[in-house]
Amino acid sequence: MSELLTQYFERYAEEAITKMKAALIAVDYYERIRVRLVKKEDLSGELAIIAKVGPAGTMTVVKEAMADYKGRVAGAWELNQRLQDIGKQKVSLIVNEREHLPRADVSYQFKSKAGIVKVHITTAGETFKLEINAGKNPMAAQMACIELEKQLTFIALTG
């Protein structure tokens, strides 16, 4: 299959896993602060914001931050908006309480005159499996991949 497509989607998966890890670390940090605030611990020496807004205001900030970072976990797998506009993307996250990172199942389908390119990524922890399928006809598959490569190049050039 196309080396450019493989590199693009490998990099995409690696970046998404990194974003998920960072967001989950932040959620864990804010969860620990939330628990300590519920226990009425004095955190004013550790968090300067408490002196300004008080424990109740800090709890509001903590809850908003947790919600934001939880949204970033799912949002880590969003493709570039232009890619979403020209294809179909489906993202499923499976959370297992025994695993640090949710498992992701990401499907992307790009349709052109030459054919359909299907990209499927599954993760387990920090590892992923990438499958790119453009059909059984080698000529049509190559042309469909070239069309998607053109779109990726155009997106990269236009920012």
N, C-alpha and C. Protein backbone atom coordinates (compact mmCIF):
# COMPACT_ATOMS: atom_id res chain seq x y z
N MET A 1 0.85 -1.18 0.00
CA MET A 1 0.00 0.00 0.00
C MET A 1 0.89 1.24 0.00
N SER A 2 0.29 2.36 -0.06
CA SER A 2 0.99 3.63 -0.16
C SER A 2 1.82 3.94 1.09
N GLU A 3 3.09 4.26 0.87
CA GLU A 3 3.98 4.60 1.98
C GLU A 3 3.56 5.92 2.63
N LEU A 4 3.13 6.88 1.83
CA LEU A 4 2.70 8.18 2.35
C LEU A 4 1.48 8.02 3.26
N LEU A 5 0.50 7.24 2.83
CA LEU A 5 -0.69 7.02 3.65
C LEU A 5 -0.33 6.30 4.94
N THR A 6 0.53 5.31 4.82
CA THR A 6 0.95 4.57 6.01
C THR A 6 1.63 5.50 7.00
N GLN A 7 2.56 6.31 6.54
CA GLN A 7 3.26 7.24 7.43
C GLN A 7 2.30 8.24 8.06
N TYR A 8 1.38 8.77 7.26
CA TYR A 8 0.44 9.76 7.77
C TYR A 8 -0.41 9.17 8.89
N PHE A 9 -0.99 8.01 8.66
CA PHE A 9 -1.90 7.44 9.65
C PHE A 9 -1.15 6.83 10.85
N GLU A 10 0.10 6.41 10.65
CA GLU A 10 0.90 5.98 11.80
C GLU A 10 1.18 7.18 12.71
N ARG A 11 1.57 8.28 12.10
CA ARG A 11 1.85 9.51 12.87
C ARG A 11 0.57 9.99 13.57
N TYR A 12 -0.55 9.92 12.87
CA TYR A 12 -1.84 10.29 13.43
C TYR A 12 -2.15 9.44 14.68
N ALA A 13 -1.94 8.13 14.59
CA ALA A 13 -2.21 7.24 15.71
C ALA A 13 -1.27 7.53 16.88
N GLU A 14 0.00 7.73 16.60
CA GLU A 14 0.96 8.03 17.66
C GLU A 14 0.61 9.33 18.37
N GLU A 15 0.25 10.35 17.60
CA GLU A 15 -0.12 11.64 18.20
C GLU A 15 -1.41 11.52 19.02
N ALA A 16 -2.36 10.75 18.54
CA ALA A 16 -3.62 10.58 19.27
C ALA A 16 -3.38 9.86 20.59
N ILE A 17 -2.55 8.84 20.58
CA ILE A 17 -2.23 8.13 21.82
C ILE A 17 -1.53 9.06 22.80
N THR A 18 -0.61 9.88 22.31
CA THR A 18 0.08 10.84 23.16
C THR A 18 -0.90 11.86 23.75
N LYS A 19 -1.82 12.35 22.93
CA LYS A 19 -2.83 13.30 23.43
C LYS A 19 -3.72 12.66 24.48
N MET A 20 -4.12 11.39 24.24
CA MET A 20 -4.96 10.69 25.22
C MET A 20 -4.22 10.55 26.55
N LYS A 21 -2.95 10.15 26.49
CA LYS A 21 -2.17 10.00 27.72
C LYS A 21 -2.08 11.30 28.49
N ALA A 22 -1.78 12.39 27.80
CA ALA A 22 -1.66 13.69 28.47
C ALA A 22 -2.99 14.11 29.10
N ALA A 23 -4.08 13.90 28.38
CA ALA A 23 -5.40 14.27 28.91
C ALA A 23 -5.76 13.42 30.13
N LEU A 24 -5.46 12.14 30.08
CA LEU A 24 -5.77 11.27 31.22
C LEU A 24 -4.91 11.59 32.44
N ILE A 25 -3.68 12.00 32.23
CA ILE A 25 -2.83 12.43 33.35
C ILE A 25 -3.43 13.67 34.00
N ALA A 26 -3.91 14.59 33.18
CA ALA A 26 -4.54 15.81 33.72
C ALA A 26 -5.83 15.49 34.46
N VAL A 27 -6.64 14.58 33.92
CA VAL A 27 -7.88 14.17 34.61
C VAL A 27 -7.54 13.58 35.97
N ASP A 28 -6.53 12.73 36.02
CA ASP A 28 -6.12 12.11 37.29
C ASP A 28 -5.64 13.17 38.28
N TYR A 29 -4.90 14.15 37.81
CA TYR A 29 -4.41 15.23 38.67
C TYR A 29 -5.59 16.01 39.27
N TYR A 30 -6.53 16.39 38.43
CA TYR A 30 -7.68 17.16 38.92
C TYR A 30 -8.59 16.31 39.79
N GLU A 31 -8.66 15.03 39.54
CA GLU A 31 -9.46 14.14 40.39
C GLU A 31 -8.87 14.09 41.80
N ARG A 32 -7.54 14.03 41.89
CA ARG A 32 -6.90 14.03 43.21
C ARG A 32 -7.17 15.35 43.95
N ILE A 33 -7.14 16.45 43.23
CA ILE A 33 -7.45 17.75 43.86
C ILE A 33 -8.90 17.77 44.31
N ARG A 34 -9.80 17.27 43.47
CA ARG A 34 -11.23 17.25 43.82
C ARG A 34 -11.46 16.45 45.10
N VAL A 35 -10.84 15.28 45.21
CA VAL A 35 -11.00 14.44 46.39
C VAL A 35 -10.49 15.17 47.63
N ARG A 36 -9.36 15.84 47.50
CA ARG A 36 -8.81 16.57 48.64
C ARG A 36 -9.70 17.76 49.02
N LEU A 37 -10.31 18.41 48.04
CA LEU A 37 -11.23 19.51 48.35
C LEU A 37 -12.49 18.99 49.05
N VAL A 38 -12.98 17.84 48.62
CA VAL A 38 -14.15 17.23 49.26
C VAL A 38 -13.85 16.90 50.72
N LYS A 39 -12.61 16.48 50.99
CA LYS A 39 -12.20 16.17 52.36
C LYS A 39 -11.91 17.43 53.18
N LYS A 40 -12.08 18.59 52.54
CA LYS A 40 -11.88 19.89 53.17
C LYS A 40 -10.43 20.14 53.59
N GLU A 41 -9.48 19.58 52.85
CA GLU A 41 -8.07 19.84 53.11
C GLU A 41 -7.75 21.27 52.68
N ASP A 42 -6.82 21.89 53.38
CA ASP A 42 -6.38 23.24 53.03
C ASP A 42 -5.29 23.13 51.96
N LEU A 43 -5.64 23.50 50.74
CA LEU A 43 -4.71 23.43 49.62
C LEU A 43 -4.20 24.81 49.21
N SER A 44 -4.50 25.83 50.02
CA SER A 44 -4.13 27.19 49.64
C SER A 44 -2.62 27.37 49.50
N GLY A 45 -1.82 26.57 50.21
CA GLY A 45 -0.37 26.64 50.09
C GLY A 45 0.13 26.01 48.80
N GLU A 46 -0.66 25.07 48.24
CA GLU A 46 -0.25 24.37 47.02
C GLU A 46 -0.82 25.01 45.76
N LEU A 47 -2.02 25.53 45.88
CA LEU A 47 -2.70 26.11 44.72
C LEU A 47 -3.03 27.57 45.01
N ALA A 48 -2.37 28.47 44.32
CA ALA A 48 -2.56 29.90 44.56
C ALA A 48 -3.98 30.35 44.25
N ILE A 49 -4.67 29.66 43.36
CA ILE A 49 -6.02 30.07 42.98
C ILE A 49 -6.99 29.99 44.14
N ILE A 50 -6.75 29.10 45.09
CA ILE A 50 -7.67 28.95 46.22
C ILE A 50 -7.73 30.22 47.04
N ALA A 51 -6.61 30.89 47.21
CA ALA A 51 -6.59 32.15 47.97
C ALA A 51 -7.44 33.21 47.27
N LYS A 52 -7.52 33.13 45.93
CA LYS A 52 -8.27 34.14 45.19
C LYS A 52 -9.76 33.82 45.11
N VAL A 53 -10.11 32.56 44.82
CA VAL A 53 -11.52 32.24 44.57
C VAL A 53 -12.14 31.37 45.65
N GLY A 54 -11.36 30.86 46.58
CA GLY A 54 -11.88 30.04 47.65
C GLY A 54 -12.09 28.59 47.21
N PRO A 55 -12.37 27.72 48.18
CA PRO A 55 -12.54 26.30 47.88
C PRO A 55 -13.71 26.01 46.93
N ALA A 56 -14.82 26.72 47.09
CA ALA A 56 -15.98 26.47 46.23
C ALA A 56 -15.67 26.86 44.78
N GLY A 57 -15.04 27.99 44.60
CA GLY A 57 -14.65 28.42 43.25
C GLY A 57 -13.62 27.48 42.65
N THR A 58 -12.71 27.00 43.48
CA THR A 58 -11.70 26.06 43.00
C THR A 58 -12.35 24.76 42.56
N MET A 59 -13.35 24.31 43.32
CA MET A 59 -14.05 23.07 42.95
C MET A 59 -14.72 23.23 41.59
N THR A 60 -15.28 24.40 41.32
CA THR A 60 -15.89 24.66 40.02
C THR A 60 -14.85 24.59 38.90
N VAL A 61 -13.70 25.22 39.15
CA VAL A 61 -12.63 25.18 38.16
C VAL A 61 -12.15 23.75 37.94
N VAL A 62 -12.01 22.99 39.01
CA VAL A 62 -11.55 21.61 38.91
C VAL A 62 -12.53 20.77 38.09
N LYS A 63 -13.82 20.92 38.36
CA LYS A 63 -14.83 20.15 37.61
C LYS A 63 -14.84 20.53 36.13
N GLU A 64 -14.70 21.82 35.84
CA GLU A 64 -14.64 22.25 34.43
C GLU A 64 -13.40 21.71 33.73
N ALA A 65 -12.28 21.74 34.44
CA ALA A 65 -11.03 21.22 33.86
C ALA A 65 -11.14 19.73 33.60
N MET A 66 -11.74 18.99 34.54
CA MET A 66 -11.91 17.55 34.35
C MET A 66 -12.79 17.26 33.14
N ALA A 67 -13.87 18.01 33.00
CA ALA A 67 -14.76 17.80 31.86
C ALA A 67 -14.04 18.12 30.55
N ASP A 68 -13.25 19.19 30.57
CA ASP A 68 -12.49 19.58 29.37
C ASP A 68 -11.50 18.48 28.98
N TYR A 69 -10.75 17.98 29.94
CA TYR A 69 -9.75 16.97 29.63
C TYR A 69 -10.38 15.63 29.25
N LYS A 70 -11.52 15.30 29.83
CA LYS A 70 -12.22 14.07 29.41
C LYS A 70 -12.67 14.20 27.96
N GLY A 71 -13.09 15.39 27.56
CA GLY A 71 -13.45 15.63 26.17
C GLY A 71 -12.24 15.51 25.25
N ARG A 72 -11.09 15.90 25.75
CA ARG A 72 -9.86 15.80 24.95
C ARG A 72 -9.45 14.34 24.71
N VAL A 73 -9.82 13.45 25.63
CA VAL A 73 -9.50 12.03 25.43
C VAL A 73 -10.20 11.54 24.17
N ALA A 74 -11.48 11.80 24.04
CA ALA A 74 -12.23 11.38 22.85
C ALA A 74 -11.81 12.20 21.64
N GLY A 75 -11.55 13.47 21.84
CA GLY A 75 -11.18 14.36 20.74
C GLY A 75 -9.80 14.09 20.17
N ALA A 76 -9.00 13.31 20.88
CA ALA A 76 -7.65 13.01 20.40
C ALA A 76 -7.66 12.29 19.07
N TRP A 77 -8.75 11.62 18.75
CA TRP A 77 -8.82 10.80 17.55
C TRP A 77 -9.51 11.52 16.39
N GLU A 78 -9.87 12.78 16.58
CA GLU A 78 -10.52 13.51 15.49
C GLU A 78 -9.50 13.81 14.40
N LEU A 79 -9.86 13.48 13.20
CA LEU A 79 -9.01 13.79 12.04
C LEU A 79 -9.12 15.26 11.69
N ASN A 80 -8.21 15.72 10.88
CA ASN A 80 -8.28 17.06 10.33
C ASN A 80 -9.68 17.29 9.76
N GLN A 81 -10.24 18.46 10.00
CA GLN A 81 -11.62 18.74 9.57
C GLN A 81 -11.81 18.55 8.07
N ARG A 82 -10.82 18.90 7.28
CA ARG A 82 -10.94 18.73 5.83
C ARG A 82 -11.02 17.26 5.44
N LEU A 83 -10.27 16.41 6.16
CA LEU A 83 -10.37 14.97 5.90
C LEU A 83 -11.75 14.45 6.28
N GLN A 84 -12.30 14.97 7.36
CA GLN A 84 -13.65 14.56 7.76
C GLN A 84 -14.67 15.00 6.72
N ASP A 85 -14.44 16.16 6.11
CA ASP A 85 -15.38 16.67 5.12
C ASP A 85 -15.41 15.83 3.84
N ILE A 86 -14.29 15.21 3.49
CA ILE A 86 -14.22 14.46 2.24
C ILE A 86 -14.36 12.95 2.45
N GLY A 87 -14.52 12.54 3.68
CA GLY A 87 -14.66 11.11 3.98
C GLY A 87 -15.55 10.90 5.18
N LYS A 88 -15.58 9.66 5.64
CA LYS A 88 -16.39 9.31 6.81
C LYS A 88 -15.47 8.75 7.88
N GLN A 89 -15.66 9.24 9.11
CA GLN A 89 -14.85 8.78 10.23
C GLN A 89 -15.75 8.27 11.33
N LYS A 90 -15.33 7.17 11.96
CA LYS A 90 -16.04 6.63 13.10
C LYS A 90 -15.01 6.28 14.16
N VAL A 91 -15.23 6.77 15.38
CA VAL A 91 -14.30 6.53 16.48
C VAL A 91 -15.08 5.90 17.63
N SER A 92 -14.57 4.78 18.13
CA SER A 92 -15.15 4.13 19.31
C SER A 92 -14.05 3.96 20.35
N LEU A 93 -14.32 4.38 21.56
CA LEU A 93 -13.38 4.19 22.66
C LEU A 93 -13.98 3.18 23.64
N ILE A 94 -13.20 2.17 23.98
CA ILE A 94 -13.63 1.14 24.91
C ILE A 94 -12.81 1.29 26.17
N VAL A 95 -13.48 1.61 27.27
CA VAL A 95 -12.79 1.83 28.54
C VAL A 95 -12.87 0.56 29.37
N ASN A 96 -11.69 0.09 29.79
CA ASN A 96 -11.60 -1.05 30.70
C ASN A 96 -10.91 -0.52 31.95
N GLU A 97 -11.54 -0.68 33.08
CA GLU A 97 -11.00 -0.10 34.31
C GLU A 97 -9.63 -0.67 34.69
N ARG A 98 -9.25 -1.80 34.12
CA ARG A 98 -7.94 -2.39 34.41
C ARG A 98 -6.84 -1.86 33.50
N GLU A 99 -7.19 -1.07 32.52
CA GLU A 99 -6.21 -0.54 31.58
C GLU A 99 -6.11 0.97 31.75
N HIS A 100 -4.91 1.48 31.59
CA HIS A 100 -4.70 2.93 31.76
C HIS A 100 -5.31 3.73 30.62
N LEU A 101 -5.13 3.26 29.40
CA LEU A 101 -5.64 3.97 28.23
C LEU A 101 -6.86 3.24 27.67
N PRO A 102 -7.85 3.99 27.24
CA PRO A 102 -8.97 3.34 26.55
C PRO A 102 -8.49 2.75 25.22
N ARG A 103 -9.14 1.69 24.81
CA ARG A 103 -8.83 1.11 23.49
C ARG A 103 -9.62 1.90 22.46
N ALA A 104 -8.96 2.22 21.37
CA ALA A 104 -9.62 2.98 20.30
C ALA A 104 -9.82 2.08 19.09
N ASP A 105 -10.96 2.26 18.46
CA ASP A 105 -11.25 1.59 17.20
C ASP A 105 -11.68 2.70 16.25
N VAL A 106 -10.79 3.03 15.31
CA VAL A 106 -11.00 4.17 14.42
C VAL A 106 -11.11 3.67 12.99
N SER A 107 -12.17 4.10 12.32
CA SER A 107 -12.36 3.77 10.91
C SER A 107 -12.49 5.06 10.12
N TYR A 108 -11.84 5.08 8.98
CA TYR A 108 -11.96 6.22 8.08
C TYR A 108 -12.14 5.67 6.67
N GLN A 109 -13.06 6.28 5.94
CA GLN A 109 -13.33 5.83 4.58
C GLN A 109 -13.34 7.04 3.64
N PHE A 110 -12.52 6.95 2.60
CA PHE A 110 -12.42 8.00 1.60
C PHE A 110 -12.87 7.43 0.27
N LYS A 111 -13.81 8.11 -0.36
CA LYS A 111 -14.35 7.63 -1.64
C LYS A 111 -13.95 8.59 -2.75
N SER A 112 -13.42 8.02 -3.84
CA SER A 112 -13.07 8.80 -5.02
C SER A 112 -13.60 8.07 -6.25
N LYS A 113 -13.40 8.66 -7.41
CA LYS A 113 -13.83 8.01 -8.66
C LYS A 113 -13.11 6.69 -8.87
N ALA A 114 -11.88 6.61 -8.40
CA ALA A 114 -11.07 5.40 -8.60
C ALA A 114 -11.47 4.27 -7.66
N GLY A 115 -12.06 4.61 -6.53
CA GLY A 115 -12.44 3.58 -5.57
C GLY A 115 -12.47 4.12 -4.15
N ILE A 116 -12.55 3.20 -3.22
CA ILE A 116 -12.67 3.55 -1.80
C ILE A 116 -11.39 3.11 -1.08
N VAL A 117 -10.87 4.01 -0.24
CA VAL A 117 -9.74 3.68 0.62
C VAL A 117 -10.29 3.60 2.04
N LYS A 118 -10.09 2.46 2.67
CA LYS A 118 -10.54 2.26 4.05
C LYS A 118 -9.32 2.18 4.95
N VAL A 119 -9.35 2.96 6.02
CA VAL A 119 -8.28 2.96 7.01
C VAL A 119 -8.89 2.51 8.32
N HIS A 120 -8.25 1.53 8.96
CA HIS A 120 -8.75 1.03 10.23
C HIS A 120 -7.58 0.96 11.22
N ILE A 121 -7.79 1.60 12.37
CA ILE A 121 -6.77 1.62 13.42
C ILE A 121 -7.40 1.07 14.69
N THR A 122 -6.71 0.12 15.30
CA THR A 122 -7.13 -0.38 16.61
C THR A 122 -5.95 -0.24 17.56
N THR A 123 -6.24 0.09 18.80
CA THR A 123 -5.18 0.28 19.77
C THR A 123 -5.38 -0.62 20.98
N ALA A 124 -4.29 -0.87 21.65
CA ALA A 124 -4.28 -1.55 22.95
C ALA A 124 -3.11 -0.94 23.71
N GLY A 125 -3.42 -0.17 24.71
CA GLY A 125 -2.36 0.54 25.42
C GLY A 125 -1.71 1.56 24.49
N GLU A 126 -0.40 1.50 24.40
CA GLU A 126 0.34 2.44 23.54
C GLU A 126 0.67 1.84 22.18
N THR A 127 0.16 0.67 21.90
CA THR A 127 0.41 0.04 20.61
C THR A 127 -0.82 0.18 19.72
N PHE A 128 -0.59 0.13 18.43
CA PHE A 128 -1.71 0.22 17.50
C PHE A 128 -1.47 -0.67 16.30
N LYS A 129 -2.55 -0.99 15.64
CA LYS A 129 -2.50 -1.76 14.41
C LYS A 129 -3.19 -0.93 13.34
N LEU A 130 -2.50 -0.75 12.22
CA LEU A 130 -3.01 0.06 11.12
C LEU A 130 -3.26 -0.84 9.92
N GLU A 131 -4.45 -0.73 9.35
CA GLU A 131 -4.79 -1.45 8.14
C GLU A 131 -5.32 -0.45 7.12
N ILE A 132 -4.75 -0.47 5.94
CA ILE A 132 -5.23 0.38 4.85
C ILE A 132 -5.64 -0.56 3.72
N ASN A 133 -6.89 -0.44 3.30
CA ASN A 133 -7.42 -1.32 2.27
C ASN A 133 -8.07 -0.47 1.19
N ALA A 134 -7.63 -0.68 -0.04
CA ALA A 134 -8.21 0.07 -1.17
C ALA A 134 -8.86 -0.86 -2.19
N GLY A 135 -9.10 -2.08 -1.79
CA GLY A 135 -9.78 -3.02 -2.69
C GLY A 135 -8.82 -4.02 -3.30
N LYS A 136 -9.39 -4.94 -4.08
CA LYS A 136 -8.61 -6.05 -4.65
C LYS A 136 -7.97 -5.72 -5.99
N ASN A 137 -8.56 -4.79 -6.71
CA ASN A 137 -8.02 -4.42 -8.02
C ASN A 137 -6.80 -3.52 -7.79
N PRO A 138 -5.58 -4.00 -8.15
CA PRO A 138 -4.38 -3.22 -7.85
C PRO A 138 -4.34 -1.85 -8.51
N MET A 139 -4.80 -1.77 -9.75
CA MET A 139 -4.77 -0.48 -10.46
C MET A 139 -5.72 0.52 -9.80
N ALA A 140 -6.95 0.09 -9.54
CA ALA A 140 -7.93 0.97 -8.90
C ALA A 140 -7.48 1.34 -7.49
N ALA A 141 -6.90 0.39 -6.76
CA ALA A 141 -6.42 0.66 -5.41
C ALA A 141 -5.32 1.72 -5.42
N GLN A 142 -4.40 1.59 -6.36
CA GLN A 142 -3.32 2.55 -6.47
C GLN A 142 -3.86 3.94 -6.81
N MET A 143 -4.80 4.01 -7.71
CA MET A 143 -5.39 5.31 -8.09
C MET A 143 -6.16 5.93 -6.92
N ALA A 144 -6.91 5.11 -6.19
CA ALA A 144 -7.65 5.63 -5.04
C ALA A 144 -6.69 6.15 -3.98
N CYS A 145 -5.60 5.44 -3.75
CA CYS A 145 -4.59 5.89 -2.78
C CYS A 145 -3.95 7.19 -3.23
N ILE A 146 -3.69 7.31 -4.52
CA ILE A 146 -3.09 8.54 -5.05
C ILE A 146 -4.04 9.72 -4.85
N GLU A 147 -5.33 9.48 -5.04
CA GLU A 147 -6.32 10.55 -4.82
C GLU A 147 -6.31 11.01 -3.36
N LEU A 148 -6.26 10.06 -2.42
CA LEU A 148 -6.21 10.43 -1.01
C LEU A 148 -4.89 11.13 -0.69
N GLU A 149 -3.80 10.68 -1.27
CA GLU A 149 -2.51 11.35 -1.08
C GLU A 149 -2.56 12.79 -1.56
N LYS A 150 -3.22 13.02 -2.69
CA LYS A 150 -3.37 14.39 -3.21
C LYS A 150 -4.11 15.25 -2.19
N GLN A 151 -5.17 14.70 -1.62
CA GLN A 151 -5.93 15.46 -0.63
C GLN A 151 -5.07 15.77 0.60
N LEU A 152 -4.30 14.78 1.06
CA LEU A 152 -3.42 15.01 2.21
C LEU A 152 -2.37 16.07 1.91
N THR A 153 -1.83 16.03 0.71
CA THR A 153 -0.83 17.04 0.31
C THR A 153 -1.47 18.42 0.25
N PHE A 154 -2.65 18.51 -0.30
CA PHE A 154 -3.36 19.79 -0.40
C PHE A 154 -3.64 20.33 1.01
N ILE A 155 -4.09 19.47 1.90
CA ILE A 155 -4.37 19.89 3.29
C ILE A 155 -3.09 20.38 3.96
N ALA A 156 -1.98 19.66 3.74
CA ALA A 156 -0.71 20.07 4.35
C ALA A 156 -0.23 21.40 3.81
N LEU A 157 -0.43 21.64 2.52
CA LEU A 157 0.04 22.88 1.92
C LEU A 157 -0.82 24.09 2.30
N THR A 158 -2.10 23.88 2.52
CA THR A 158 -2.99 24.98 2.85
C THR A 158 -3.14 25.20 4.35
N GLY A 159 -2.50 24.37 5.14
CA GLY A 159 -2.45 24.59 6.57
C GLY A 159 -3.60 24.01 7.28
